[in-house]
Structures are given as C-alpha cells and as structure tokens.
Amino acid sequence: MKKILILLGIMSLIFGMVWNANATPITMNFTVEGLESSNLFGPNPPGPATTASGTITWEADTIYDEIDHLTSIDLTVLGHSYTLAEIDYLPPGGFDIIYATVNNDSLSSGSNDFWIRWNRNTTTAFDFAYATTGTGGIWGSQTFTTFSITGAPVPEPATMLLFGLGLLGLAGVNRRKQ
C-alpha cells in the first residue's frame, strides 16, 4: 500500500508538470493610420509617415497574461527598422506598452522612438506614437485599421505523459501481484 501511495504521488507530480507546462507565442499585428502631430495647442499637421504597420511577438501564458519576454519585431518607420535589442515592455499601469527608446530614455522629439499601448484584458488598441531623428515632433494616432493579438499553445512533448502512464501501469502490475 505504501508503494502505491508513493507511485501515485510521483504520478501526480508528473501529471502536474505536464498540465502546467505551456509556452505560448503571442503575436500582435497592427496597422495604424492618421498619424499626426501631438501638438496640444494649434493645428495637428500630419507626420512624415502617416501610416505604420508591424508585427511584434512575445511569450506569455495566454494573450491576457503579462509578457514573459519579447521574441521578435517587424516594424519600420521612415527607414528605421527596429530590432529586438531596441524594444522593451512596461507592465500595465493602465495600459500595456511595448516601446523603443533608441536615443533617450523616453519618447522624445528628434529620436527614433515609438510606443504602442493596448489594454491586455480586452485586447483592444489604445494608441501608437513615434518620433524620428532629423525632425522635431511626436506623431501619434488612435486609428487602428488592423489590430489583433493571437496566441496558440505550443504542444509540450508527450514524453512526460508516456512516462506517467508507464508508472501507472507499473502500479497496476504491482497491485495485481499482491
């Protein structure tokens, strides 16, 4: 009886590891239009780039969970192609933010910075903003023509499951011998 309880304990640990192991790549695709000056006073002229599209991928448990780590980016604004080394993620303080502060420590005029903000709980976009070198100003928009966040669980190897079933079989054989 003691051996069966030990085997059942080991099996429950193994099944627990298989059940909880999930690595999910999450992909955000977006297109934002109508990028204009963020000037609060006076007219808001269009920015040097009035449209931006990109794909950003990260890993998390689900699309509603906090980002574990960023894995790729495909975004070019006015000739600057952002790299994974340039971007980072801020945990929610109202909105989730993926951003690049290439030349400074915040989104600032005359830099190659950008940010995209969204609500993780509803997977809805809030805004996109960018700045470029050689021009003054920050341009932004809340007009997303495309915005999606998708994720598909990556199946874990069945080895642990087969190992657990083997232990279950051994426990059954052991019980029959007694």
C-alpha atoms as a PDB file:
ATOM      1  CA  MET A   1       0.000   0.000   0.000  1.00  0.00           C
ATOM      2  CA  LYS A   2       2.869   2.340   0.846  1.00  0.00           C
ATOM      3  CA  LYS A   3       4.462   1.757  -2.592  1.00  0.00           C
ATOM      4  CA  ILE A   4       1.185   2.529  -4.356  1.00  0.00           C
ATOM      5  CA  LEU A   5       0.833   5.794  -2.465  1.00  0.00           C
ATOM      6  CA  ILE A   6       4.406   6.749  -3.367  1.00  0.00           C
ATOM      7  CA  LEU A   7       3.790   5.897  -7.029  1.00  0.00           C
ATOM      8  CA  LEU A   8       0.533   7.873  -7.032  1.00  0.00           C
ATOM      9  CA  GLY A   9       2.370  10.833  -5.501  1.00  0.00           C
ATOM     10  CA  ILE A  10       5.075  10.665  -8.171  1.00  0.00           C
ATOM     11  CA  MET A  11       2.467  10.348 -10.927  1.00  0.00           C
ATOM     12  CA  SER A  12       0.512  13.344  -9.643  1.00  0.00           C
ATOM     13  CA  LEU A  13       3.714  15.410  -9.695  1.00  0.00           C
ATOM     14  CA  ILE A  14       4.468  14.302 -13.245  1.00  0.00           C
ATOM     15  CA  PHE A  15       0.939  14.983 -14.482  1.00  0.00           C
ATOM     16  CA  GLY A  16       1.030  18.338 -12.709  1.00  0.00           C
ATOM     17  CA  MET A  17       4.236  19.272 -14.539  1.00  0.00           C
ATOM     18  CA  VAL A  18       2.728  18.253 -17.892  1.00  0.00           C
ATOM     19  CA  TRP A  19      -0.541  20.068 -17.202  1.00  0.00           C
ATOM     20  CA  ASN A  20       1.106  23.354 -16.156  1.00  0.00           C
ATOM     21  CA  ALA A  21       3.844  23.437 -18.790  1.00  0.00           C
ATOM     22  CA  ASN A  22       2.761  25.805 -21.519  1.00  0.00           C
ATOM     23  CA  ALA A  23       4.808  28.139 -23.631  1.00  0.00           C
ATOM     24  CA  THR A  24       2.630  30.288 -25.837  1.00  0.00           C
ATOM     25  CA  PRO A  25       3.950  32.577 -28.556  1.00  0.00           C
ATOM     26  CA  ILE A  26       1.697  35.630 -28.764  1.00  0.00           C
ATOM     27  CA  THR A  27       1.597  37.757 -31.919  1.00  0.00           C
ATOM     28  CA  MET A  28       0.360  41.326 -32.269  1.00  0.00           C
ATOM     29  CA  ASN A  29      -0.368  42.567 -35.799  1.00  0.00           C
ATOM     30  CA  PHE A  30      -1.327  46.179 -36.299  1.00  0.00           C
ATOM     31  CA  THR A  31      -1.782  48.947 -38.830  1.00  0.00           C
ATOM     32  CA  VAL A  32      -2.363  52.466 -37.611  1.00  0.00           C
ATOM     33  CA  GLU A  33      -3.347  55.405 -39.826  1.00  0.00           C
ATOM     34  CA  GLY A  34      -3.805  59.130 -39.435  1.00  0.00           C
ATOM     35  CA  LEU A  35      -0.546  59.733 -37.582  1.00  0.00           C
ATOM     36  CA  GLU A  36      -0.428  63.445 -36.828  1.00  0.00           C
ATOM     37  CA  SER A  37       1.374  65.868 -34.589  1.00  0.00           C
ATOM     38  CA  SER A  38       0.640  65.511 -30.913  1.00  0.00           C
ATOM     39  CA  ASN A  39       0.614  69.304 -30.571  1.00  0.00           C
ATOM     40  CA  LEU A  40      -1.948  70.087 -27.887  1.00  0.00           C
ATOM     41  CA  PHE A  41      -2.251  73.719 -28.966  1.00  0.00           C
ATOM     42  CA  GLY A  42      -2.981  74.681 -32.554  1.00  0.00           C
ATOM     43  CA  PRO A  43      -3.288  72.578 -35.695  1.00  0.00           C
ATOM     44  CA  ASN A  44      -2.126  68.973 -35.826  1.00  0.00           C
ATOM     45  CA  PRO A  45      -0.326  68.536 -39.160  1.00  0.00           C
ATOM     46  CA  PRO A  46       0.268  65.019 -40.485  1.00  0.00           C
ATOM     47  CA  GLY A  47       3.542  63.359 -39.581  1.00  0.00           C
ATOM     48  CA  PRO A  48       6.300  62.429 -42.029  1.00  0.00           C
ATOM     49  CA  ALA A  49       4.802  58.902 -42.009  1.00  0.00           C
ATOM     50  CA  THR A  50       1.011  58.837 -41.749  1.00  0.00           C
ATOM     51  CA  THR A  51       0.717  55.026 -41.588  1.00  0.00           C
ATOM     52  CA  ALA A  52       2.640  52.382 -39.662  1.00  0.00           C
ATOM     53  CA  SER A  53       2.249  48.571 -39.647  1.00  0.00           C
ATOM     54  CA  GLY A  54       4.068  45.965 -37.703  1.00  0.00           C
ATOM     55  CA  THR A  55       4.200  42.592 -36.034  1.00  0.00           C
ATOM     56  CA  ILE A  56       5.522  42.034 -32.533  1.00  0.00           C
ATOM     57  CA  THR A  57       5.833  38.593 -30.945  1.00  0.00           C
ATOM     58  CA  TRP A  58       6.344  37.629 -27.314  1.00  0.00           C
ATOM     59  CA  GLU A  59       5.840  34.710 -24.962  1.00  0.00           C
ATOM     60  CA  ALA A  60       3.254  34.581 -22.193  1.00  0.00           C
ATOM     61  CA  ASP A  61       0.898  32.031 -20.678  1.00  0.00           C
ATOM     62  CA  THR A  62      -2.108  33.462 -22.585  1.00  0.00           C
ATOM     63  CA  ILE A  63      -2.909  36.612 -24.551  1.00  0.00           C
ATOM     64  CA  TYR A  64      -4.308  38.102 -21.332  1.00  0.00           C
ATOM     65  CA  ASP A  65      -1.214  37.467 -19.194  1.00  0.00           C
ATOM     66  CA  GLU A  66       1.820  39.659 -18.662  1.00  0.00           C
ATOM     67  CA  ILE A  67       4.613  39.334 -21.216  1.00  0.00           C
ATOM     68  CA  ASP A  68       7.391  36.932 -20.178  1.00  0.00           C
ATOM     69  CA  HIS A  69       9.802  38.164 -22.848  1.00  0.00           C
ATOM     70  CA  LEU A  70       9.712  39.721 -26.314  1.00  0.00           C
ATOM     71  CA  THR A  71      10.864  37.420 -29.121  1.00  0.00           C
ATOM     72  CA  SER A  72      10.651  39.379 -32.403  1.00  0.00           C
ATOM     73  CA  ILE A  73       9.629  42.632 -34.057  1.00  0.00           C
ATOM     74  CA  ASP A  74       8.918  43.580 -37.659  1.00  0.00           C
ATOM     75  CA  LEU A  75       8.382  47.345 -37.689  1.00  0.00           C
ATOM     76  CA  THR A  76       9.950  50.033 -39.871  1.00  0.00           C
ATOM     77  CA  VAL A  77       9.082  53.702 -39.537  1.00  0.00           C
ATOM     78  CA  LEU A  78      10.662  56.150 -42.011  1.00  0.00           C
ATOM     79  CA  GLY A  79      13.536  53.826 -42.828  1.00  0.00           C
ATOM     80  CA  HIS A  80      14.352  52.818 -39.255  1.00  0.00           C
ATOM     81  CA  SER A  81      13.831  49.071 -38.778  1.00  0.00           C
ATOM     82  CA  TYR A  82      13.509  48.322 -35.083  1.00  0.00           C
ATOM     83  CA  THR A  83      15.434  45.417 -33.602  1.00  0.00           C
ATOM     84  CA  LEU A  84      14.666  43.248 -30.619  1.00  0.00           C
ATOM     85  CA  ALA A  85      17.555  44.877 -28.747  1.00  0.00           C
ATOM     86  CA  GLU A  86      15.858  48.290 -29.070  1.00  0.00           C
ATOM     87  CA  ILE A  87      12.451  47.404 -27.682  1.00  0.00           C
ATOM     88  CA  ASP A  88      11.133  46.711 -24.221  1.00  0.00           C
ATOM     89  CA  TYR A  89       7.876  46.178 -22.375  1.00  0.00           C
ATOM     90  CA  LEU A  90       6.292  48.035 -19.480  1.00  0.00           C
ATOM     91  CA  PRO A  91       3.923  46.041 -17.292  1.00  0.00           C
ATOM     92  CA  PRO A  92       0.460  47.505 -17.114  1.00  0.00           C
ATOM     93  CA  GLY A  93      -0.183  50.687 -15.279  1.00  0.00           C
ATOM     94  CA  GLY A  94      -3.492  51.081 -17.039  1.00  0.00           C
ATOM     95  CA  PHE A  95      -2.179  50.034 -20.447  1.00  0.00           C
ATOM     96  CA  ASP A  96       0.441  47.569 -21.593  1.00  0.00           C
ATOM     97  CA  ILE A  97       3.209  49.320 -23.516  1.00  0.00           C
ATOM     98  CA  ILE A  98       5.800  47.973 -25.937  1.00  0.00           C
ATOM     99  CA  TYR A  99       8.238  50.736 -26.729  1.00  0.00           C
ATOM    100  CA  ALA A 100      11.609  51.649 -28.163  1.00  0.00           C
ATOM    101  CA  THR A 101      13.624  54.477 -26.712  1.00  0.00           C
ATOM    102  CA  VAL A 102      16.542  54.352 -29.080  1.00  0.00           C
ATOM    103  CA  ASN A 103      18.220  57.674 -28.347  1.00  0.00           C
ATOM    104  CA  ASN A 104      16.783  58.659 -24.982  1.00  0.00           C
ATOM    105  CA  ASP A 105      15.003  57.179 -22.001  1.00  0.00           C
ATOM    106  CA  SER A 106      11.519  58.303 -23.045  1.00  0.00           C
ATOM    107  CA  LEU A 107       9.522  59.026 -26.207  1.00  0.00           C
ATOM    108  CA  SER A 108      11.055  62.314 -27.274  1.00  0.00           C
ATOM    109  CA  SER A 109      11.194  64.569 -30.288  1.00  0.00           C
ATOM    110  CA  GLY A 110      14.177  64.046 -32.597  1.00  0.00           C
ATOM    111  CA  SER A 111      14.675  60.380 -31.686  1.00  0.00           C
ATOM    112  CA  ASN A 112      13.788  57.048 -33.275  1.00  0.00           C
ATOM    113  CA  ASP A 113      11.381  56.187 -30.500  1.00  0.00           C
ATOM    114  CA  PHE A 114       7.926  54.622 -30.648  1.00  0.00           C
ATOM    115  CA  TRP A 115       5.329  53.111 -28.412  1.00  0.00           C
ATOM    116  CA  ILE A 116       2.207  51.060 -28.861  1.00  0.00           C
ATOM    117  CA  ARG A 117      -0.261  50.867 -25.992  1.00  0.00           C
ATOM    118  CA  TRP A 118      -3.174  48.475 -25.551  1.00  0.00           C
ATOM    119  CA  ASN A 119      -5.457  47.022 -22.921  1.00  0.00           C
ATOM    120  CA  ARG A 120      -4.414  43.431 -22.258  1.00  0.00           C
ATOM    121  CA  ASN A 121      -7.708  42.481 -20.578  1.00  0.00           C
ATOM    122  CA  THR A 122      -9.817  43.432 -23.608  1.00  0.00           C
ATOM    123  CA  THR A 123      -7.059  43.101 -26.270  1.00  0.00           C
ATOM    124  CA  THR A 124      -8.008  46.493 -27.692  1.00  0.00           C
ATOM    125  CA  ALA A 125      -5.553  49.047 -29.020  1.00  0.00           C
ATOM    126  CA  PHE A 126      -5.205  52.464 -27.423  1.00  0.00           C
ATOM    127  CA  ASP A 127      -2.590  54.373 -29.420  1.00  0.00           C
ATOM    128  CA  PHE A 128       0.649  54.339 -31.409  1.00  0.00           C
ATOM    129  CA  ALA A 129       3.163  57.184 -31.378  1.00  0.00           C
ATOM    130  CA  TYR A 130       6.594  57.738 -32.905  1.00  0.00           C
ATOM    131  CA  ALA A 131       9.373  60.287 -33.250  1.00  0.00           C
ATOM    132  CA  THR A 132      12.180  60.356 -35.800  1.00  0.00           C
ATOM    133  CA  THR A 133      15.688  61.741 -35.954  1.00  0.00           C
ATOM    134  CA  GLY A 134      16.153  64.849 -38.040  1.00  0.00           C
ATOM    135  CA  THR A 135      12.614  66.120 -37.472  1.00  0.00           C
ATOM    136  CA  GLY A 136      11.090  67.714 -34.443  1.00  0.00           C
ATOM    137  CA  GLY A 137       7.829  66.447 -33.080  1.00  0.00           C
ATOM    138  CA  ILE A 138       5.995  63.370 -31.947  1.00  0.00           C
ATOM    139  CA  TRP A 139       3.242  61.902 -34.099  1.00  0.00           C
ATOM    140  CA  GLY A 140       0.501  59.610 -32.928  1.00  0.00           C
ATOM    141  CA  SER A 141      -2.903  58.127 -33.656  1.00  0.00           C
ATOM    142  CA  GLN A 142      -5.641  56.010 -32.134  1.00  0.00           C
ATOM    143  CA  THR A 143      -6.988  54.984 -35.547  1.00  0.00           C
ATOM    144  CA  PHE A 144      -6.114  51.311 -35.971  1.00  0.00           C
ATOM    145  CA  THR A 145      -7.334  49.725 -39.203  1.00  0.00           C
ATOM    146  CA  THR A 146      -5.871  46.397 -38.090  1.00  0.00           C
ATOM    147  CA  PHE A 147      -5.200  45.244 -34.555  1.00  0.00           C
ATOM    148  CA  SER A 148      -5.092  41.639 -33.437  1.00  0.00           C
ATOM    149  CA  ILE A 149      -3.415  39.673 -30.693  1.00  0.00           C
ATOM    150  CA  THR A 150      -3.369  35.929 -31.205  1.00  0.00           C
ATOM    151  CA  GLY A 151      -1.726  33.023 -29.461  1.00  0.00           C
ATOM    152  CA  ALA A 152      -1.683  29.289 -29.890  1.00  0.00           C
ATOM    153  CA  PRO A 153      -0.398  26.905 -27.246  1.00  0.00           C
ATOM    154  CA  VAL A 154       2.738  25.038 -28.216  1.00  0.00           C
ATOM    155  CA  PRO A 155       2.207  21.333 -27.551  1.00  0.00           C
ATOM    156  CA  GLU A 156       4.641  20.016 -24.978  1.00  0.00           C
ATOM    157  CA  PRO A 157       6.440  16.722 -25.662  1.00  0.00           C
ATOM    158  CA  ALA A 158       4.375  13.677 -24.791  1.00  0.00           C
ATOM    159  CA  THR A 159       7.364  12.025 -23.135  1.00  0.00           C
ATOM    160  CA  MET A 160       6.319  13.045 -19.636  1.00  0.00           C
ATOM    161  CA  LEU A 161       2.771  11.820 -20.271  1.00  0.00           C
ATOM    162  CA  LEU A 162       4.046   8.461 -21.522  1.00  0.00           C
ATOM    163  CA  PHE A 163       6.367   8.212 -18.515  1.00  0.00           C
ATOM    164  CA  GLY A 164       3.418   8.871 -16.194  1.00  0.00           C
ATOM    165  CA  LEU A 165       1.303   6.240 -17.945  1.00  0.00           C
ATOM    166  CA  GLY A 166       4.189   3.763 -17.605  1.00  0.00           C
ATOM    167  CA  LEU A 167       4.327   4.424 -13.862  1.00  0.00           C
ATOM    168  CA  LEU A 168       0.577   3.931 -13.667  1.00  0.00           C
ATOM    169  CA  GLY A 169       0.985   0.591 -15.457  1.00  0.00           C
ATOM    170  CA  LEU A 170       3.718  -0.462 -13.053  1.00  0.00           C
ATOM    171  CA  ALA A 171       1.493   0.403 -10.108  1.00  0.00           C
ATOM    172  CA  GLY A 172      -1.293  -1.723 -11.614  1.00  0.00           C
ATOM    173  CA  VAL A 173       1.033  -4.676 -12.215  1.00  0.00           C
ATOM    174  CA  ASN A 174       2.397  -4.365  -8.674  1.00  0.00           C
ATOM    175  CA  ARG A 175      -1.105  -4.324  -7.253  1.00  0.00           C
ATOM    176  CA  ARG A 176      -2.124  -7.448  -9.208  1.00  0.00           C
ATOM    177  CA  LYS A 177       0.924  -9.364  -7.921  1.00  0.00           C
ATOM    178  CA  GLN A 178      -0.118  -8.703  -4.346  1.00  0.00           C
END
